[in-house]
Amino acid sequence: MAILPSRIIILDNEYLTLALLFALVILVGIAASTLLGGKRNSKNAVLITGLPFAGKTVMHYLINNDQVVETVTSMKENEANAVLVEGKAPLHMIDIPGHERLRFKFSEFMPIARSIVFVVDSATVARQTRVLAEYLYEILSNKFAQEEKIPVLIACNKSDLLTAFKKERIQTMLEAEINKLRQTRTAALDTQDSEGNENVFLGFEGQDFSFQDLENEVEFIECSAENKDIEGVKDWIVAMSS
């Protein structure tokens, strides 16, 4: 019987150890990918969007931790799992940055979105109607929003302020601005190749735009995150997630 030199035996043991470690790393990677993929692929995300200083990040933390916190303009999305109803599965809350160069990251999360909360500053809406309408237009005309009929809540925040507009007035202002925006967008598409364009036409051609014409539900609610008055928002999220 041949006897292997001790050096060869040691080397074989080293290779076996390395192989086992390598296999373990692969298994851990697969497990992590499966867990993260499950979170990203499951359609249980609630997107919280809006312009800077509208109060969306305050609302995000209030929903998740029941605390009002001081915030700054977010440069990265905030994510957390929130249990809004005891005994029910948690919802994946995603606060999208409001900065003009980052706010359109919402499209990355649309495939997993169950509902969208679009936060509006009720006190400054008159000065921001155009940019609000442009942002909201992109959300509502997104192919996933239309195909999946993703419900959208317009959360009229800071409604406690004396300068705040009522939700009915905010709805009228946004509808009028989206109507004008829709005309310019349609004209632009007519003059260029629209191949690859994932957005769809909002409402009915030949008629003024109305949120009621959309197939996905759009609702307006007045709230105040600073005063912890967001029960209507949470109730809506729960209703849309059941």
Protein backbone atom coordinates (compact mmCIF):
# COMPACT_ATOMS: atom_id res chain seq x y z
CA MET A 1 0.00 0.00 0.00
CA ALA A 2 1.42 3.35 -1.03
CA ILE A 3 1.84 6.01 1.64
CA LEU A 4 1.32 9.61 0.57
CA PRO A 5 3.82 12.15 1.79
CA SER A 6 2.54 14.26 4.71
CA ARG A 7 2.97 17.47 2.65
CA ILE A 8 0.52 16.19 0.02
CA ILE A 9 -2.00 15.26 2.71
CA ILE A 10 -1.77 18.75 4.24
CA LEU A 11 -2.21 20.39 0.84
CA ASP A 12 -5.26 18.22 0.13
CA ASN A 13 -6.78 19.29 3.46
CA GLU A 14 -6.14 22.94 2.65
CA TYR A 15 -7.82 22.61 -0.74
CA LEU A 16 -10.78 20.82 0.89
CA THR A 17 -11.13 23.61 3.44
CA LEU A 18 -10.98 26.29 0.76
CA ALA A 19 -13.55 24.43 -1.32
CA LEU A 20 -15.90 24.18 1.66
CA LEU A 21 -15.47 27.88 2.45
CA PHE A 22 -16.12 28.79 -1.18
CA ALA A 23 -19.29 26.67 -1.22
CA LEU A 24 -20.45 28.31 2.03
CA VAL A 25 -19.95 31.78 0.57
CA ILE A 26 -22.02 30.82 -2.48
CA LEU A 27 -24.83 29.42 -0.31
CA VAL A 28 -24.91 32.55 1.85
CA GLY A 29 -25.01 34.71 -1.28
CA ILE A 30 -27.89 32.73 -2.72
CA ALA A 31 -29.82 32.94 0.55
CA ALA A 32 -29.28 36.71 0.81
CA SER A 33 -30.27 37.20 -2.81
CA THR A 34 -33.43 35.17 -2.26
CA LEU A 35 -34.41 37.21 0.80
CA LEU A 36 -33.72 40.56 -0.85
CA GLY A 37 -35.32 39.43 -4.08
CA GLY A 38 -38.40 38.37 -2.18
CA LYS A 39 -38.67 41.81 -0.62
CA ARG A 40 -38.19 43.58 -3.94
CA ASN A 41 -40.36 41.24 -5.95
CA SER A 42 -43.30 41.04 -3.57
CA LYS A 43 -45.89 43.65 -4.47
CA ASN A 44 -46.30 45.11 -0.99
CA ALA A 45 -44.52 48.45 -1.34
CA VAL A 46 -46.10 51.80 -0.52
CA LEU A 47 -44.28 54.64 -2.29
CA ILE A 48 -44.26 58.02 -0.55
CA THR A 49 -43.41 60.75 -3.05
CA GLY A 50 -43.54 64.52 -3.27
CA LEU A 51 -41.45 67.65 -3.59
CA PRO A 52 -38.85 68.73 -1.02
CA PHE A 53 -40.26 70.20 2.21
CA ALA A 54 -43.74 68.82 1.54
CA GLY A 55 -43.42 66.69 4.68
CA LYS A 56 -43.19 63.24 3.12
CA THR A 57 -40.16 62.11 5.15
CA VAL A 58 -41.80 63.32 8.35
CA MET A 59 -44.86 61.31 7.35
CA HIS A 60 -42.68 58.29 6.56
CA TYR A 61 -41.13 58.25 10.05
CA LEU A 62 -44.48 58.96 11.68
CA ILE A 63 -46.07 55.96 9.96
CA ASN A 64 -43.17 53.68 10.87
CA ASN A 65 -42.18 54.91 14.33
CA ASP A 66 -45.08 57.12 15.44
CA GLN A 67 -42.55 59.92 15.97
CA VAL A 68 -42.18 63.37 14.44
CA VAL A 69 -38.52 63.95 13.57
CA GLU A 70 -36.51 66.83 12.14
CA THR A 71 -35.54 66.06 8.56
CA VAL A 72 -33.40 67.41 5.73
CA THR A 73 -33.76 66.94 1.99
CA SER A 74 -33.24 63.22 1.35
CA MET A 75 -30.61 62.17 -1.18
CA LYS A 76 -31.45 58.47 -0.94
CA GLU A 77 -34.69 56.60 -0.48
CA ASN A 78 -35.69 55.67 3.08
CA GLU A 79 -37.06 52.15 3.44
CA ALA A 80 -38.75 50.43 6.38
CA ASN A 81 -41.30 47.71 7.08
CA ALA A 82 -44.37 48.93 8.93
CA VAL A 83 -47.12 46.90 10.58
CA LEU A 84 -50.23 49.08 10.35
CA VAL A 85 -52.68 46.38 11.42
CA GLU A 86 -51.82 43.93 14.18
CA GLY A 87 -51.63 40.39 12.87
CA LYS A 88 -51.25 41.54 9.25
CA ALA A 89 -48.12 41.30 7.14
CA PRO A 90 -45.88 44.39 7.23
CA LEU A 91 -45.90 46.84 4.34
CA HIS A 92 -42.67 47.97 2.75
CA MET A 93 -42.68 51.77 3.03
CA ILE A 94 -40.37 53.59 0.59
CA ASP A 95 -39.80 57.35 0.90
CA ILE A 96 -38.57 58.59 -2.50
CA PRO A 97 -36.18 61.59 -2.47
CA GLY A 98 -37.85 64.83 -3.52
CA HIS A 99 -34.75 66.43 -5.03
CA GLU A 100 -35.31 67.29 -8.69
CA ARG A 101 -32.48 65.02 -9.86
CA LEU A 102 -33.66 62.06 -7.78
CA ARG A 103 -37.45 62.23 -7.56
CA PHE A 104 -37.98 60.20 -10.71
CA LYS A 105 -36.36 57.18 -9.06
CA PHE A 106 -39.93 56.26 -8.21
CA SER A 107 -40.07 54.42 -11.55
CA GLU A 108 -37.56 51.83 -10.24
CA PHE A 109 -40.06 50.77 -7.56
CA MET A 110 -43.25 50.85 -9.60
CA PRO A 111 -43.14 47.09 -10.40
CA ILE A 112 -43.49 46.33 -6.65
CA ALA A 113 -45.80 49.22 -5.71
CA ARG A 114 -49.17 48.42 -4.19
CA SER A 115 -50.12 52.06 -3.64
CA ILE A 116 -48.63 55.56 -3.87
CA VAL A 117 -48.91 58.47 -1.44
CA PHE A 118 -48.15 61.77 -3.18
CA VAL A 119 -47.56 64.42 -0.50
CA VAL A 120 -48.42 68.04 -1.30
CA ASP A 121 -47.66 71.13 0.78
CA SER A 122 -51.13 72.67 1.00
CA ALA A 123 -49.70 76.07 1.93
CA THR A 124 -47.35 76.46 -1.06
CA VAL A 125 -49.25 74.54 -3.73
CA ALA A 126 -50.17 77.71 -5.63
CA ARG A 127 -46.47 78.49 -6.23
CA GLN A 128 -45.62 74.90 -7.16
CA THR A 129 -48.61 73.83 -9.23
CA ARG A 130 -46.64 73.43 -12.46
CA VAL A 131 -43.83 71.27 -11.05
CA LEU A 132 -46.32 69.28 -8.96
CA ALA A 133 -48.40 68.59 -12.05
CA GLU A 134 -45.30 67.51 -14.01
CA TYR A 135 -44.26 65.07 -11.28
CA LEU A 136 -47.76 63.74 -10.80
CA TYR A 137 -48.21 63.38 -14.57
CA GLU A 138 -45.13 61.12 -14.74
CA ILE A 139 -46.48 58.95 -11.94
CA LEU A 140 -50.02 58.64 -13.25
CA SER A 141 -48.98 58.01 -16.85
CA ASN A 142 -46.40 55.39 -15.91
CA LYS A 143 -47.23 52.09 -17.60
CA PHE A 144 -47.22 50.17 -14.31
CA ALA A 145 -49.60 52.67 -12.70
CA GLN A 146 -51.99 52.19 -15.59
CA GLU A 147 -51.63 48.45 -16.21
CA GLU A 148 -51.79 47.53 -12.52
CA LYS A 149 -54.30 50.30 -11.68
CA ILE A 150 -52.13 51.37 -8.75
CA PRO A 151 -54.18 53.63 -6.43
CA VAL A 152 -52.80 57.07 -5.66
CA LEU A 153 -53.49 59.22 -2.60
CA ILE A 154 -52.87 62.97 -2.82
CA ALA A 155 -52.04 63.74 0.81
CA CYS A 156 -52.68 67.46 1.27
CA ASN A 157 -50.24 68.01 4.13
CA LYS A 158 -49.98 71.05 6.46
CA SER A 159 -53.74 71.53 6.21
CA ASP A 160 -53.69 73.09 9.68
CA LEU A 161 -51.93 76.24 8.43
CA LEU A 162 -53.99 79.38 7.79
CA THR A 163 -52.55 79.70 4.28
CA ALA A 164 -53.40 76.09 3.34
CA PHE A 165 -55.71 75.41 0.41
CA LYS A 166 -58.60 72.98 0.80
CA LYS A 167 -58.28 69.63 -0.95
CA GLU A 168 -61.04 70.50 -3.43
CA ARG A 169 -59.16 73.60 -4.54
CA ILE A 170 -55.89 71.65 -4.82
CA GLN A 171 -57.62 69.05 -6.98
CA THR A 172 -59.01 71.72 -9.30
CA MET A 173 -55.60 73.39 -9.64
CA LEU A 174 -53.81 70.13 -10.44
CA GLU A 175 -56.44 69.04 -12.94
CA ALA A 176 -56.19 72.34 -14.81
CA GLU A 177 -52.39 72.19 -14.90
CA ILE A 178 -52.28 68.53 -15.95
CA ASN A 179 -54.77 69.36 -18.70
CA LYS A 180 -52.40 71.98 -20.12
CA LEU A 181 -49.41 69.73 -19.61
CA ARG A 182 -51.16 66.84 -21.35
CA GLN A 183 -51.70 68.99 -24.45
CA THR A 184 -48.04 69.98 -24.69
CA ARG A 185 -46.84 66.41 -24.07
CA THR A 186 -49.18 65.05 -26.75
CA ALA A 187 -47.99 67.66 -29.25
CA ALA A 188 -44.37 66.79 -28.51
CA LEU A 189 -45.00 63.09 -29.06
CA ASP A 190 -46.67 63.81 -32.40
CA THR A 191 -43.47 65.43 -33.68
CA GLN A 192 -41.05 62.68 -32.68
CA ASP A 193 -40.70 58.92 -32.73
CA SER A 194 -42.53 57.65 -29.66
CA GLU A 195 -41.00 54.17 -29.82
CA GLY A 196 -39.90 53.13 -26.34
CA ASN A 197 -42.12 55.67 -24.62
CA GLU A 198 -43.63 53.86 -21.63
CA ASN A 199 -46.11 56.55 -20.61
CA VAL A 200 -49.76 56.56 -21.65
CA PHE A 201 -52.30 59.26 -22.39
CA LEU A 202 -54.24 60.42 -19.33
CA GLY A 203 -58.01 60.72 -19.48
CA PHE A 204 -60.06 61.06 -22.65
CA GLU A 205 -58.98 62.84 -25.81
CA GLY A 206 -61.10 65.87 -26.61
CA GLN A 207 -62.13 66.34 -22.97
CA ASP A 208 -60.59 68.34 -20.14
CA PHE A 209 -58.57 66.22 -17.76
CA SER A 210 -60.24 64.91 -14.61
CA PHE A 211 -58.86 62.48 -12.04
CA GLN A 212 -62.21 60.69 -12.20
CA ASP A 213 -61.44 59.64 -15.79
CA LEU A 214 -58.50 57.49 -14.68
CA GLU A 215 -58.91 53.75 -14.23
CA ASN A 216 -56.77 53.72 -11.10
CA GLU A 217 -58.28 55.32 -8.00
CA VAL A 218 -57.05 58.81 -7.05
CA GLU A 219 -58.19 60.26 -3.74
CA PHE A 220 -57.47 63.52 -1.89
CA ILE A 221 -57.10 63.68 1.91
CA GLU A 222 -56.22 66.62 4.16
CA CYS A 223 -53.65 65.88 6.86
CA SER A 224 -50.93 67.36 9.07
CA ALA A 225 -47.84 65.24 9.74
CA GLU A 226 -46.40 67.80 12.17
CA ASN A 227 -49.54 67.46 14.30
CA LYS A 228 -49.58 63.65 13.93
CA ASP A 229 -52.88 63.99 12.09
CA ILE A 230 -52.36 61.28 9.48
CA GLU A 231 -54.95 58.70 10.50
CA GLY A 232 -56.75 59.24 7.19
CA VAL A 233 -53.54 58.47 5.32
CA LYS A 234 -52.89 55.28 7.29
CA ASP A 235 -56.49 54.14 6.93
CA TRP A 236 -56.26 54.65 3.16
CA ILE A 237 -53.00 52.67 2.95
CA VAL A 238 -54.56 49.81 4.92
CA ALA A 239 -57.69 49.85 2.74
CA MET A 240 -55.64 49.73 -0.46
CA SER A 241 -53.49 46.91 0.91
CA SER A 242 -56.27 44.58 1.97
